[in-house]
C-alpha atoms as a PDB file:
ATOM      1  CA  MET A   1      93.637  36.215 229.056  1.00  0.00           C
ATOM      2  CA  ILE A   2      95.188  35.221 225.725  1.00  0.00           C
ATOM      3  CA  ASN A   3      93.703  32.290 223.835  1.00  0.00           C
ATOM      4  CA  VAL A   4      96.368  30.036 222.373  1.00  0.00           C
ATOM      5  CA  ILE A   5      95.802  28.324 219.046  1.00  0.00           C
ATOM      6  CA  LYS A   6      98.071  25.409 218.188  1.00  0.00           C
ATOM      7  CA  ILE A   7      99.295  24.936 214.632  1.00  0.00           C
ATOM      8  CA  ASN A   8     100.276  21.314 214.111  1.00  0.00           C
ATOM      9  CA  GLU A   9     101.354  21.364 210.499  1.00  0.00           C
ATOM     10  CA  LEU A  10     103.321  23.868 208.436  1.00  0.00           C
ATOM     11  CA  GLN A  11     104.508  23.144 204.927  1.00  0.00           C
ATOM     12  CA  THR A  12     107.354  25.123 203.430  1.00  0.00           C
ATOM     13  CA  ILE A  13     106.783  26.768 200.070  1.00  0.00           C
ATOM     14  CA  ASN A  14     109.853  25.211 198.474  1.00  0.00           C
ATOM     15  CA  SER A  15     109.891  21.709 199.886  1.00  0.00           C
ATOM     16  CA  ASP A  16     107.650  18.667 199.983  1.00  0.00           C
ATOM     17  CA  LYS A  17     108.619  18.044 203.595  1.00  0.00           C
ATOM     18  CA  ILE A  18     106.090  18.871 206.297  1.00  0.00           C
ATOM     19  CA  TRP A  19     107.199  20.087 209.709  1.00  0.00           C
ATOM     20  CA  PHE A  20     105.220  18.755 212.652  1.00  0.00           C
ATOM     21  CA  PHE A  21     105.341  20.771 215.836  1.00  0.00           C
ATOM     22  CA  ALA A  22     103.128  22.596 218.275  1.00  0.00           C
ATOM     23  CA  MET A  23     103.313  26.351 217.919  1.00  0.00           C
ATOM     24  CA  ASP A  24     101.769  29.273 219.729  1.00  0.00           C
ATOM     25  CA  ILE A  25      99.971  31.616 217.312  1.00  0.00           C
ATOM     26  CA  ARG A  26     101.303  34.498 219.406  1.00  0.00           C
ATOM     27  CA  GLN A  27     104.837  33.540 218.409  1.00  0.00           C
ATOM     28  CA  LEU A  28     103.869  33.796 214.745  1.00  0.00           C
ATOM     29  CA  LYS A  29     102.389  37.248 215.308  1.00  0.00           C
ATOM     30  CA  TYR A  30     105.412  38.340 217.321  1.00  0.00           C
ATOM     31  CA  PHE A  31     107.783  37.136 214.626  1.00  0.00           C
ATOM     32  CA  VAL A  32     105.804  38.846 211.847  1.00  0.00           C
ATOM     33  CA  ALA A  33     105.847  42.121 213.795  1.00  0.00           C
ATOM     34  CA  VAL A  34     109.629  41.938 214.218  1.00  0.00           C
ATOM     35  CA  ALA A  35     110.086  41.021 210.557  1.00  0.00           C
ATOM     36  CA  ASN A  36     107.913  43.954 209.442  1.00  0.00           C
ATOM     37  CA  THR A  37     109.547  46.573 211.661  1.00  0.00           C
ATOM     38  CA  ARG A  38     113.099  45.137 211.513  1.00  0.00           C
ATOM     39  CA  ASN A  39     113.436  46.321 215.094  1.00  0.00           C
ATOM     40  CA  PHE A  40     112.599  44.658 218.430  1.00  0.00           C
ATOM     41  CA  THR A  41     111.828  47.969 220.152  1.00  0.00           C
ATOM     42  CA  ARG A  42     109.331  49.138 217.524  1.00  0.00           C
ATOM     43  CA  ALA A  43     107.785  45.667 217.362  1.00  0.00           C
ATOM     44  CA  SER A  44     107.279  45.575 221.133  1.00  0.00           C
ATOM     45  CA  GLU A  45     105.637  49.011 221.018  1.00  0.00           C
ATOM     46  CA  GLN A  46     103.386  47.868 218.200  1.00  0.00           C
ATOM     47  CA  LEU A  47     102.423  44.723 220.115  1.00  0.00           C
ATOM     48  CA  HIS A  48     102.069  46.579 223.439  1.00  0.00           C
ATOM     49  CA  ILE A  49     104.421  44.216 225.256  1.00  0.00           C
ATOM     50  CA  ALA A  50     107.843  44.684 226.836  1.00  0.00           C
ATOM     51  CA  GLN A  51     110.894  43.972 224.707  1.00  0.00           C
ATOM     52  CA  PRO A  52     112.486  41.207 226.872  1.00  0.00           C
ATOM     53  CA  PRO A  53     109.500  38.820 226.647  1.00  0.00           C
ATOM     54  CA  LEU A  54     109.228  39.519 222.932  1.00  0.00           C
ATOM     55  CA  SER A  55     112.895  38.625 222.408  1.00  0.00           C
ATOM     56  CA  ARG A  56     112.438  35.527 224.537  1.00  0.00           C
ATOM     57  CA  GLN A  57     109.463  34.316 222.466  1.00  0.00           C
ATOM     58  CA  ILE A  58     111.420  34.703 219.223  1.00  0.00           C
ATOM     59  CA  GLN A  59     114.325  32.827 220.793  1.00  0.00           C
ATOM     60  CA  LEU A  60     111.988  30.005 221.874  1.00  0.00           C
ATOM     61  CA  LEU A  61     110.582  29.889 218.364  1.00  0.00           C
ATOM     62  CA  GLU A  62     114.066  29.517 216.879  1.00  0.00           C
ATOM     63  CA  GLU A  63     114.938  26.826 219.415  1.00  0.00           C
ATOM     64  CA  GLU A  64     111.788  24.893 218.544  1.00  0.00           C
ATOM     65  CA  LEU A  65     112.519  25.102 214.820  1.00  0.00           C
ATOM     66  CA  GLY A  66     116.214  24.440 215.283  1.00  0.00           C
ATOM     67  CA  VAL A  67     117.192  27.246 212.882  1.00  0.00           C
ATOM     68  CA  GLN A  68     118.084  30.926 213.153  1.00  0.00           C
ATOM     69  CA  LEU A  69     115.395  33.220 211.770  1.00  0.00           C
ATOM     70  CA  ILE A  70     116.821  36.678 212.464  1.00  0.00           C
ATOM     71  CA  LEU A  71     120.306  38.162 212.088  1.00  0.00           C
ATOM     72  CA  ARG A  72     120.427  40.260 215.241  1.00  0.00           C
ATOM     73  CA  ASN A  73     123.815  41.880 214.640  1.00  0.00           C
ATOM     74  CA  SER A  74     122.657  43.830 211.578  1.00  0.00           C
ATOM     75  CA  ARG A  75     121.005  47.246 211.753  1.00  0.00           C
ATOM     76  CA  PRO A  76     118.221  47.150 210.832  1.00  0.00           C
ATOM     77  CA  LEU A  77     117.585  43.510 211.636  1.00  0.00           C
ATOM     78  CA  ARG A  78     117.609  41.111 208.687  1.00  0.00           C
ATOM     79  CA  LEU A  79     115.929  37.770 208.150  1.00  0.00           C
ATOM     80  CA  THR A  80     117.912  34.668 207.301  1.00  0.00           C
ATOM     81  CA  GLU A  81     116.873  32.657 204.255  1.00  0.00           C
ATOM     82  CA  ALA A  82     114.960  30.345 206.608  1.00  0.00           C
ATOM     83  CA  GLY A  83     113.456  33.435 208.236  1.00  0.00           C
ATOM     84  CA  ARG A  84     112.147  34.720 204.906  1.00  0.00           C
ATOM     85  CA  VAL A  85     110.489  31.391 204.130  1.00  0.00           C
ATOM     86  CA  PHE A  86     109.023  31.224 207.629  1.00  0.00           C
ATOM     87  CA  TYR A  87     107.791  34.838 207.381  1.00  0.00           C
ATOM     88  CA  GLU A  88     105.821  34.144 204.192  1.00  0.00           C
ATOM     89  CA  GLN A  89     104.217  31.065 205.700  1.00  0.00           C
ATOM     90  CA  ALA A  90     103.495  32.721 209.062  1.00  0.00           C
ATOM     91  CA  LEU A  91     101.837  35.668 207.313  1.00  0.00           C
ATOM     92  CA  GLN A  92      99.606  33.338 205.318  1.00  0.00           C
ATOM     93  CA  ILE A  93      98.603  31.374 208.435  1.00  0.00           C
ATOM     94  CA  ILE A  94      97.708  34.531 210.365  1.00  0.00           C
ATOM     95  CA  ASN A  95      95.681  35.945 207.485  1.00  0.00           C
ATOM     96  CA  ARG A  96      93.933  32.637 206.894  1.00  0.00           C
ATOM     97  CA  LEU A  97      92.962  32.432 210.550  1.00  0.00           C
ATOM     98  CA  ASP A  98      91.585  35.973 210.366  1.00  0.00           C
ATOM     99  CA  GLN A  99      89.670  35.013 207.231  1.00  0.00           C
ATOM    100  CA  LEU A 100      88.336  31.891 208.919  1.00  0.00           C
ATOM    101  CA  LYS A 101      87.089  33.926 211.859  1.00  0.00           C
ATOM    102  CA  THR A 102      85.484  36.572 209.638  1.00  0.00           C
ATOM    103  CA  ALA A 103      83.858  34.063 207.272  1.00  0.00           C
ATOM    104  CA  THR A 104      82.470  32.017 210.146  1.00  0.00           C
ATOM    105  CA  GLN A 105      81.041  35.095 211.823  1.00  0.00           C
ATOM    106  CA  GLN A 106      79.492  36.299 208.567  1.00  0.00           C
ATOM    107  CA  ILE A 107      77.768  32.966 207.985  1.00  0.00           C
ATOM    108  CA  GLY A 108      76.668  32.651 211.608  1.00  0.00           C
ATOM    109  CA  LEU A 109      75.321  36.203 211.679  1.00  0.00           C
ATOM    110  CA  ASN A 110      73.861  35.998 208.153  1.00  0.00           C
ATOM    111  CA  GLN A 111      76.089  38.836 207.010  1.00  0.00           C
ATOM    112  CA  ARG A 112      76.851  39.796 203.409  1.00  0.00           C
ATOM    113  CA  GLN A 113      79.665  38.390 201.285  1.00  0.00           C
ATOM    114  CA  THR A 114      82.807  40.545 201.160  1.00  0.00           C
ATOM    115  CA  LEU A 115      84.858  41.383 198.067  1.00  0.00           C
ATOM    116  CA  SER A 116      88.233  42.962 198.918  1.00  0.00           C
ATOM    117  CA  ILE A 117      89.882  45.007 196.165  1.00  0.00           C
ATOM    118  CA  GLY A 118      93.483  46.209 196.328  1.00  0.00           C
ATOM    119  CA  PHE A 119      94.419  49.286 194.333  1.00  0.00           C
ATOM    120  CA  VAL A 120      97.237  51.727 193.667  1.00  0.00           C
ATOM    121  CA  ALA A 121      96.326  55.364 194.245  1.00  0.00           C
ATOM    122  CA  SER A 122      96.624  56.442 190.600  1.00  0.00           C
ATOM    123  CA  THR A 123      93.762  54.113 189.571  1.00  0.00           C
ATOM    124  CA  LEU A 124      91.410  56.370 191.535  1.00  0.00           C
ATOM    125  CA  TYR A 125      91.943  58.986 188.804  1.00  0.00           C
ATOM    126  CA  GLY A 126      90.706  56.541 186.169  1.00  0.00           C
ATOM    127  CA  GLY A 127      88.061  53.859 186.158  1.00  0.00           C
ATOM    128  CA  LEU A 128      88.188  52.355 189.638  1.00  0.00           C
ATOM    129  CA  PRO A 129      85.539  54.604 191.253  1.00  0.00           C
ATOM    130  CA  MET A 130      83.161  53.976 188.344  1.00  0.00           C
ATOM    131  CA  LEU A 131      83.827  50.220 188.483  1.00  0.00           C
ATOM    132  CA  VAL A 132      83.116  50.077 192.213  1.00  0.00           C
ATOM    133  CA  ARG A 133      79.857  51.975 191.714  1.00  0.00           C
ATOM    134  CA  LYS A 134      78.807  49.496 189.047  1.00  0.00           C
ATOM    135  CA  LEU A 135      79.731  46.544 191.243  1.00  0.00           C
ATOM    136  CA  ARG A 136      77.606  47.918 194.064  1.00  0.00           C
ATOM    137  CA  GLN A 137      74.695  48.550 191.698  1.00  0.00           C
ATOM    138  CA  HIS A 138      74.788  45.063 190.173  1.00  0.00           C
ATOM    139  CA  TYR A 139      75.638  43.178 193.384  1.00  0.00           C
ATOM    140  CA  PRO A 140      73.958  45.031 196.267  1.00  0.00           C
ATOM    141  CA  ASP A 141      74.335  42.012 198.573  1.00  0.00           C
ATOM    142  CA  VAL A 142      78.132  42.130 198.368  1.00  0.00           C
ATOM    143  CA  ASP A 143      80.177  44.250 200.766  1.00  0.00           C
ATOM    144  CA  ILE A 144      83.012  45.792 198.712  1.00  0.00           C
ATOM    145  CA  GLN A 145      86.141  46.801 200.615  1.00  0.00           C
ATOM    146  CA  LEU A 146      88.927  48.898 199.084  1.00  0.00           C
ATOM    147  CA  VAL A 147      92.511  48.488 200.308  1.00  0.00           C
ATOM    148  CA  GLU A 148      95.249  50.851 199.108  1.00  0.00           C
ATOM    149  CA  LEU A 149      98.382  48.817 198.333  1.00  0.00           C
ATOM    150  CA  THR A 150     101.310  49.167 195.980  1.00  0.00           C
ATOM    151  CA  SER A 151     101.445  46.726 193.071  1.00  0.00           C
ATOM    152  CA  MET A 152     104.042  44.553 194.822  1.00  0.00           C
ATOM    153  CA  GLN A 153     102.099  44.590 198.090  1.00  0.00           C
ATOM    154  CA  GLN A 154      99.043  43.392 196.182  1.00  0.00           C
ATOM    155  CA  PHE A 155     100.824  40.195 195.111  1.00  0.00           C
ATOM    156  CA  ALA A 156     101.546  39.295 198.731  1.00  0.00           C
ATOM    157  CA  ALA A 157      98.011  40.279 199.787  1.00  0.00           C
ATOM    158  CA  LEU A 158      96.488  38.044 197.111  1.00  0.00           C
ATOM    159  CA  LYS A 159      98.562  35.064 198.207  1.00  0.00           C
ATOM    160  CA  SER A 160      97.725  35.622 201.863  1.00  0.00           C
ATOM    161  CA  GLY A 161      94.013  36.065 201.150  1.00  0.00           C
ATOM    162  CA  ARG A 162      93.883  39.651 202.396  1.00  0.00           C
ATOM    163  CA  ILE A 163      92.408  40.799 199.049  1.00  0.00           C
ATOM    164  CA  ASP A 164      90.509  38.994 196.284  1.00  0.00           C
ATOM    165  CA  VAL A 165      91.602  41.078 193.293  1.00  0.00           C
ATOM    166  CA  GLY A 166      94.044  43.897 192.701  1.00  0.00           C
ATOM    167  CA  PHE A 167      94.468  46.815 190.325  1.00  0.00           C
ATOM    168  CA  GLY A 168      98.092  47.803 189.851  1.00  0.00           C
ATOM    169  CA  ARG A 169     100.610  49.056 187.322  1.00  0.00           C
ATOM    170  CA  ILE A 170     103.672  46.817 187.704  1.00  0.00           C
ATOM    171  CA  ARG A 171     104.160  43.598 185.765  1.00  0.00           C
ATOM    172  CA  SER A 172     105.444  40.583 187.677  1.00  0.00           C
ATOM    173  CA  ASN A 173     106.614  37.060 186.916  1.00  0.00           C
ATOM    174  CA  ASP A 174     105.001  35.650 190.053  1.00  0.00           C
ATOM    175  CA  ALA A 175     103.628  32.255 188.995  1.00  0.00           C
ATOM    176  CA  THR A 176     100.936  32.275 191.709  1.00  0.00           C
ATOM    177  CA  VAL A 177      99.257  35.431 190.390  1.00  0.00           C
ATOM    178  CA  GLU A 178      97.305  35.776 187.143  1.00  0.00           C
ATOM    179  CA  ARG A 179      97.453  39.133 185.373  1.00  0.00           C
ATOM    180  CA  THR A 180      95.163  40.764 182.806  1.00  0.00           C
ATOM    181  CA  VAL A 181      96.235  44.034 181.194  1.00  0.00           C
ATOM    182  CA  LEU A 182      93.038  46.067 180.932  1.00  0.00           C
ATOM    183  CA  ARG A 183      94.653  48.903 179.033  1.00  0.00           C
ATOM    184  CA  GLU A 184      97.982  50.595 178.329  1.00  0.00           C
ATOM    185  CA  GLU A 185      97.744  54.214 179.404  1.00  0.00           C
ATOM    186  CA  LYS A 186      99.898  56.881 177.797  1.00  0.00           C
ATOM    187  CA  LEU A 187     102.344  58.789 179.984  1.00  0.00           C
ATOM    188  CA  VAL A 188     102.383  62.575 180.167  1.00  0.00           C
ATOM    189  CA  LEU A 189     105.001  64.995 181.452  1.00  0.00           C
ATOM    190  CA  ALA A 190     103.745  67.226 184.263  1.00  0.00           C
ATOM    191  CA  MET A 191     105.537  70.568 184.545  1.00  0.00           C
ATOM    192  CA  PRO A 192     105.049  74.011 186.057  1.00  0.00           C
ATOM    193  CA  PRO A 193     103.830  76.708 183.640  1.00  0.00           C
ATOM    194  CA  SER A 194     107.213  78.442 184.053  1.00  0.00           C
ATOM    195  CA  SER A 195     109.106  75.509 182.510  1.00  0.00           C
ATOM    196  CA  PRO A 196     110.658  76.132 179.061  1.00  0.00           C
ATOM    197  CA  LEU A 197     109.062  72.844 177.984  1.00  0.00           C
ATOM    198  CA  ALA A 198     105.597  74.269 178.699  1.00  0.00           C
ATOM    199  CA  VAL A 199     105.684  76.743 175.790  1.00  0.00           C
ATOM    200  CA  ASP A 200     104.292  74.082 173.454  1.00  0.00           C
ATOM    201  CA  ASP A 201     101.344  71.732 173.894  1.00  0.00           C
ATOM    202  CA  LYS A 202     102.453  69.207 171.284  1.00  0.00           C
ATOM    203  CA  ARG A 203     103.748  65.758 172.159  1.00  0.00           C
ATOM    204  CA  ILE A 204     107.228  65.670 173.601  1.00  0.00           C
ATOM    205  CA  GLY A 205     110.004  63.110 173.277  1.00  0.00           C
ATOM    206  CA  LEU A 206     111.596  61.421 176.276  1.00  0.00           C
ATOM    207  CA  LYS A 207     114.952  62.837 175.155  1.00  0.00           C
ATOM    208  CA  GLU A 208     113.796  66.236 176.391  1.00  0.00           C
ATOM    209  CA  LEU A 209     114.167  64.901 179.957  1.00  0.00           C
ATOM    210  CA  ASP A 210     117.920  64.525 179.592  1.00  0.00           C
ATOM    211  CA  GLY A 211     119.579  66.847 182.108  1.00  0.00           C
ATOM    212  CA  GLN A 212     116.260  67.801 183.760  1.00  0.00           C
ATOM    213  CA  LYS A 213     115.359  67.451 187.439  1.00  0.00           C
ATOM    214  CA  LEU A 214     112.965  64.521 187.720  1.00  0.00           C
ATOM    215  CA  ILE A 215     110.516  63.566 190.483  1.00  0.00           C
ATOM    216  CA  VAL A 216     109.470  59.886 190.731  1.00  0.00           C
ATOM    217  CA  PHE A 217     107.092  57.949 192.957  1.00  0.00           C
ATOM    218  CA  PRO A 218     106.610  55.892 195.044  1.00  0.00           C
ATOM    219  CA  LYS A 219     109.835  55.908 196.985  1.00  0.00           C
ATOM    220  CA  GLU A 220     109.136  52.485 198.488  1.00  0.00           C
ATOM    221  CA  PRO A 221     108.510  49.577 198.409  1.00  0.00           C
ATOM    222  CA  ARG A 222     110.379  48.687 195.248  1.00  0.00           C
ATOM    223  CA  PRO A 223     110.107  47.713 192.430  1.00  0.00           C
ATOM    224  CA  SER A 224     107.432  50.273 191.681  1.00  0.00           C
ATOM    225  CA  PHE A 225     106.137  52.802 189.155  1.00  0.00           C
ATOM    226  CA  ALA A 226     109.314  54.775 189.863  1.00  0.00           C
ATOM    227  CA  ASP A 227     111.437  51.904 188.557  1.00  0.00           C
ATOM    228  CA  HIS A 228     109.214  51.651 185.480  1.00  0.00           C
ATOM    229  CA  ILE A 229     109.895  55.309 184.680  1.00  0.00           C
ATOM    230  CA  LEU A 230     113.630  55.095 185.372  1.00  0.00           C
ATOM    231  CA  SER A 231     113.872  51.971 183.216  1.00  0.00           C
ATOM    232  CA  LEU A 232     112.194  53.755 180.293  1.00  0.00           C
ATOM    233  CA  LEU A 233     114.766  56.530 180.516  1.00  0.00           C
ATOM    234  CA  ASN A 234     117.710  54.206 181.034  1.00  0.00           C
ATOM    235  CA  ASP A 235     116.780  52.185 177.934  1.00  0.00           C
ATOM    236  CA  GLN A 236     117.237  55.333 175.862  1.00  0.00           C
ATOM    237  CA  ALA A 237     120.364  56.501 177.714  1.00  0.00           C
ATOM    238  CA  ILE A 238     118.491  59.494 179.134  1.00  0.00           C
ATOM    239  CA  HIS A 239     120.084  60.862 182.297  1.00  0.00           C
ATOM    240  CA  PRO A 240     118.199  63.373 184.480  1.00  0.00           C
ATOM    241  CA  SER A 241     120.432  65.825 186.325  1.00  0.00           C
ATOM    242  CA  GLU A 242     118.714  64.856 189.575  1.00  0.00           C
ATOM    243  CA  VAL A 243     116.137  62.282 190.654  1.00  0.00           C
ATOM    244  CA  HIS A 244     113.966  63.090 193.667  1.00  0.00           C
ATOM    245  CA  GLU A 245     111.991  60.131 195.076  1.00  0.00           C
ATOM    246  CA  VAL A 246     108.745  60.771 196.981  1.00  0.00           C
ATOM    247  CA  ARG A 247     106.151  58.493 198.526  1.00  0.00           C
ATOM    248  CA  GLU A 248     103.025  59.306 196.499  1.00  0.00           C
ATOM    249  CA  ILE A 249     101.760  60.982 193.355  1.00  0.00           C
ATOM    250  CA  GLN A 250     100.099  63.862 195.222  1.00  0.00           C
ATOM    251  CA  THR A 251     103.439  64.832 196.737  1.00  0.00           C
ATOM    252  CA  ALA A 252     105.168  64.521 193.374  1.00  0.00           C
ATOM    253  CA  LEU A 253     102.693  66.847 191.660  1.00  0.00           C
ATOM    254  CA  GLY A 254     102.871  69.278 194.559  1.00  0.00           C
ATOM    255  CA  LEU A 255     106.643  69.499 194.123  1.00  0.00           C
ATOM    256  CA  VAL A 256     106.187  70.028 190.384  1.00  0.00           C
ATOM    257  CA  ALA A 257     103.869  72.946 191.185  1.00  0.00           C
ATOM    258  CA  ALA A 258     106.597  74.276 193.489  1.00  0.00           C
ATOM    259  CA  GLU A 259     109.005  74.212 190.500  1.00  0.00           C
ATOM    260  CA  SER A 260     111.172  71.515 192.085  1.00  0.00           C
ATOM    261  CA  GLY A 261     111.255  69.324 188.985  1.00  0.00           C
ATOM    262  CA  LEU A 262     109.260  67.477 186.332  1.00  0.00           C
ATOM    263  CA  CYS A 263     107.276  64.266 186.693  1.00  0.00           C
ATOM    264  CA  LEU A 264     106.032  61.548 184.350  1.00  0.00           C
ATOM    265  CA  ILE A 265     102.517  60.411 185.281  1.00  0.00           C
ATOM    266  CA  PRO A 266      99.686  58.353 183.744  1.00  0.00           C
ATOM    267  CA  ALA A 267      97.460  60.410 181.441  1.00  0.00           C
ATOM    268  CA  SER A 268      94.399  59.970 183.685  1.00  0.00           C
ATOM    269  CA  ALA A 269      96.210  61.702 186.588  1.00  0.00           C
ATOM    270  CA  ARG A 270      96.182  65.156 184.936  1.00  0.00           C
ATOM    271  CA  LEU A 271      94.063  66.706 187.680  1.00  0.00           C
ATOM    272  CA  ARG A 272      95.956  69.724 188.991  1.00  0.00           C
ATOM    273  CA  ASN A 273      94.940  72.811 187.041  1.00  0.00           C
ATOM    274  CA  ASP A 274      98.060  74.734 188.080  1.00  0.00           C
ATOM    275  CA  LEU A 275     100.314  72.482 185.973  1.00  0.00           C
ATOM    276  CA  ASP A 276     100.913  72.020 182.256  1.00  0.00           C
ATOM    277  CA  TYR A 277     100.964  68.570 180.661  1.00  0.00           C
ATOM    278  CA  ARG A 278     102.477  67.200 177.450  1.00  0.00           C
ATOM    279  CA  LEU A 279     101.882  63.712 176.119  1.00  0.00           C
ATOM    280  CA  ILE A 280     105.024  61.646 175.562  1.00  0.00           C
ATOM    281  CA  ASP A 281     105.678  60.899 171.895  1.00  0.00           C
ATOM    282  CA  ASP A 282     106.914  57.346 172.328  1.00  0.00           C
ATOM    283  CA  PRO A 283     104.847  54.171 171.751  1.00  0.00           C
ATOM    284  CA  GLY A 284     106.606  52.457 174.654  1.00  0.00           C
ATOM    285  CA  ALA A 285     105.916  55.245 177.143  1.00  0.00           C
ATOM    286  CA  THR A 286     102.821  53.731 178.700  1.00  0.00           C
ATOM    287  CA  SER A 287     101.674  52.554 182.095  1.00  0.00           C
ATOM    288  CA  PRO A 288      99.461  49.462 182.186  1.00  0.00           C
ATOM    289  CA  ILE A 289      96.348  49.024 184.280  1.00  0.00           C
ATOM    290  CA  ILE A 290      96.593  45.408 185.408  1.00  0.00           C
ATOM    291  CA  LEU A 291      93.896  43.283 187.003  1.00  0.00           C
ATOM    292  CA  THR A 292      95.447  40.594 189.219  1.00  0.00           C
ATOM    293  CA  HIS A 293      93.988  37.632 191.054  1.00  0.00           C
ATOM    294  CA  ARG A 294      95.092  34.274 192.384  1.00  0.00           C
ATOM    295  CA  ILE A 295      95.973  31.706 189.745  1.00  0.00           C
ATOM    296  CA  ASN A 296      93.125  29.296 188.899  1.00  0.00           C
ATOM    297  CA  ASP A 297      90.636  31.461 190.781  1.00  0.00           C
ATOM    298  CA  ASN A 298      87.298  30.890 189.015  1.00  0.00           C
ATOM    299  CA  ALA A 299      85.202  32.933 191.446  1.00  0.00           C
ATOM    300  CA  TRP A 300      82.227  34.838 190.032  1.00  0.00           C
ATOM    301  CA  TYR A 301      83.780  38.249 190.630  1.00  0.00           C
ATOM    302  CA  ILE A 302      86.622  37.736 188.103  1.00  0.00           C
ATOM    303  CA  ALA A 303      84.249  37.450 185.145  1.00  0.00           C
ATOM    304  CA  ALA A 304      81.972  40.108 186.649  1.00  0.00           C
ATOM    305  CA  ILE A 305      84.774  42.670 186.896  1.00  0.00           C
ATOM    306  CA  LYS A 306      86.009  41.992 183.357  1.00  0.00           C
ATOM    307  CA  GLN A 307      82.492  42.369 181.966  1.00  0.00           C
ATOM    308  CA  LEU A 308      81.887  45.613 183.848  1.00  0.00           C
ATOM    309  CA  VAL A 309      85.225  47.021 182.685  1.00  0.00           C
ATOM    310  CA  ALA A 310      84.282  46.203 179.080  1.00  0.00           C
ATOM    311  CA  ASP A 311      80.916  47.916 179.633  1.00  0.00           C
ATOM    312  CA  MET A 312      82.681  50.981 181.056  1.00  0.00           C
ATOM    313  CA  TYR A 313      85.036  51.256 178.092  1.00  0.00           C
ATOM    314  CA  ALA A 314      82.095  51.024 175.679  1.00  0.00           C
ATOM    315  CA  GLU A 315      80.521  54.063 177.360  1.00  0.00           C
ATOM    316  CA  HIS A 316      83.618  56.246 176.667  1.00  0.00           C
ATOM    317  CA  PRO A 317      83.418  58.061 180.049  1.00  0.00           C
ATOM    318  CA  PRO A 318      85.142  61.460 180.452  1.00  0.00           C
ATOM    319  CA  TRP A 319      88.078  59.996 182.402  1.00  0.00           C
ATOM    320  CA  LEU A 320      88.891  57.591 179.559  1.00  0.00           C
ATOM    321  CA  ASP A 321      91.114  59.293 176.994  1.00  0.00           C
ATOM    322  CA  VAL A 322      90.355  56.827 174.209  1.00  0.00           C
ATOM    323  CA  ASP A 323      92.857  58.351 171.761  1.00  0.00           C
ATOM    324  CA  ASN A 324      95.723  57.812 174.200  1.00  0.00           C
ATOM    325  CA  ASN A 325      95.032  54.293 175.440  1.00  0.00           C
ATOM    326  CA  PHE A 326      95.654  50.880 173.930  1.00  0.00           C
ATOM    327  CA  PHE A 327      93.068  48.208 174.720  1.00  0.00           C
ATOM    328  CA  PRO A 328      94.041  44.511 174.502  1.00  0.00           C
ATOM    329  CA  ALA A 329      90.653  43.355 173.175  1.00  0.00           C
ATOM    330  CA  SER A 330      91.125  39.662 173.968  1.00  0.00           C
ATOM    331  CA  ASN A 331      91.463  40.337 177.689  1.00  0.00           C
ATOM    332  CA  LEU A 332      87.877  41.463 178.247  1.00  0.00           C
ATOM    333  CA  SER A 333      85.945  38.555 176.794  1.00  0.00           C
ATOM    334  CA  ALA A 334      83.889  37.619 179.861  1.00  0.00           C
ATOM    335  CA  LYS A 335      80.406  36.371 178.984  1.00  0.00           C
ATOM    336  CA  ALA A 336      77.558  38.167 180.718  1.00  0.00           C
ATOM    337  CA  SER A 337      75.645  34.898 180.867  1.00  0.00           C
ATOM    338  CA  LEU A 338      78.350  33.458 183.116  1.00  0.00           C
ATOM    339  CA  ILE A 339      77.996  36.197 185.720  1.00  0.00           C
ATOM    340  CA  PRO A 340      75.327  35.917 188.414  1.00  0.00           C
ATOM    341  CA  ARG A 341      73.505  39.184 189.095  1.00  0.00           C
ATOM    342  CA  THR A 342      72.672  38.100 192.611  1.00  0.00           C
ATOM    343  CA  ILE A 343      75.117  36.381 194.902  1.00  0.00           C
ATOM    344  CA  LEU A 344      73.477  33.971 197.322  1.00  0.00           C
END
């Protein structure tokens, strides 16, 4: 038996008008599934229901709203402008309800507080593991959850409440998200030992990539670190002979080892010992490590994380290549006295 929750108010993100109607939470979940998969068949498989009733529920939803949400004649399916607005709001409602359920259960069962951290994979090669260890040492009563998300996915996850903070590499103008650049990390060129560019270990200019086969990541969603790299090259009129897009950094470095091309990566990601690396001799060839959180969020963990990051940098750990990082000093000014060591 399915429990039905009625949502009586929904406010659009770009209007002061409030829509009043009764809505089945299942319809929101059905619509989100269709919007995510862009396909009714895949959505029905994901939801474990037949396609006809799924299509009927979306149709009823559109009839209730009085607007079309999905362009069914396109392949894959596309959302209308109203559909995109509705999708963002529906996603937030679903996540908030999940949060409400979890928070209530935690309080009722006297469970620990949860801190959800979003991260891009490349931060695992730098300070994130050390930071998480320190958080667990200083705040043993907090349950820390790690969620792998691209930088752009983190913005949506912050707004929906899925995560509390994020660590990414892509700058954004999203006014609902506050960003702190923790450091600017130098880029290096990863190449197989057989590459002519591997004969020297000195710094190399970006111009050397002109006419070379280049591997970038991630392939999607965009914009991403791949776009950051391609933009750096485009700004200097550097044109690789071929650009191969892959989903993740591990795949990219594996293809470099297979002599399929070269790849620009953050300096901390120089982990494969079967590759050669050369630092890029360009002050603008960096990749930022960016701490993100919801705007006006004054929760204890924001100051705590900034303080612990500052403590980590002061220790000069092996993963931190101090000579090849720029540290915006004003961004890590959290006061230790403002951070509770025990969370009640």
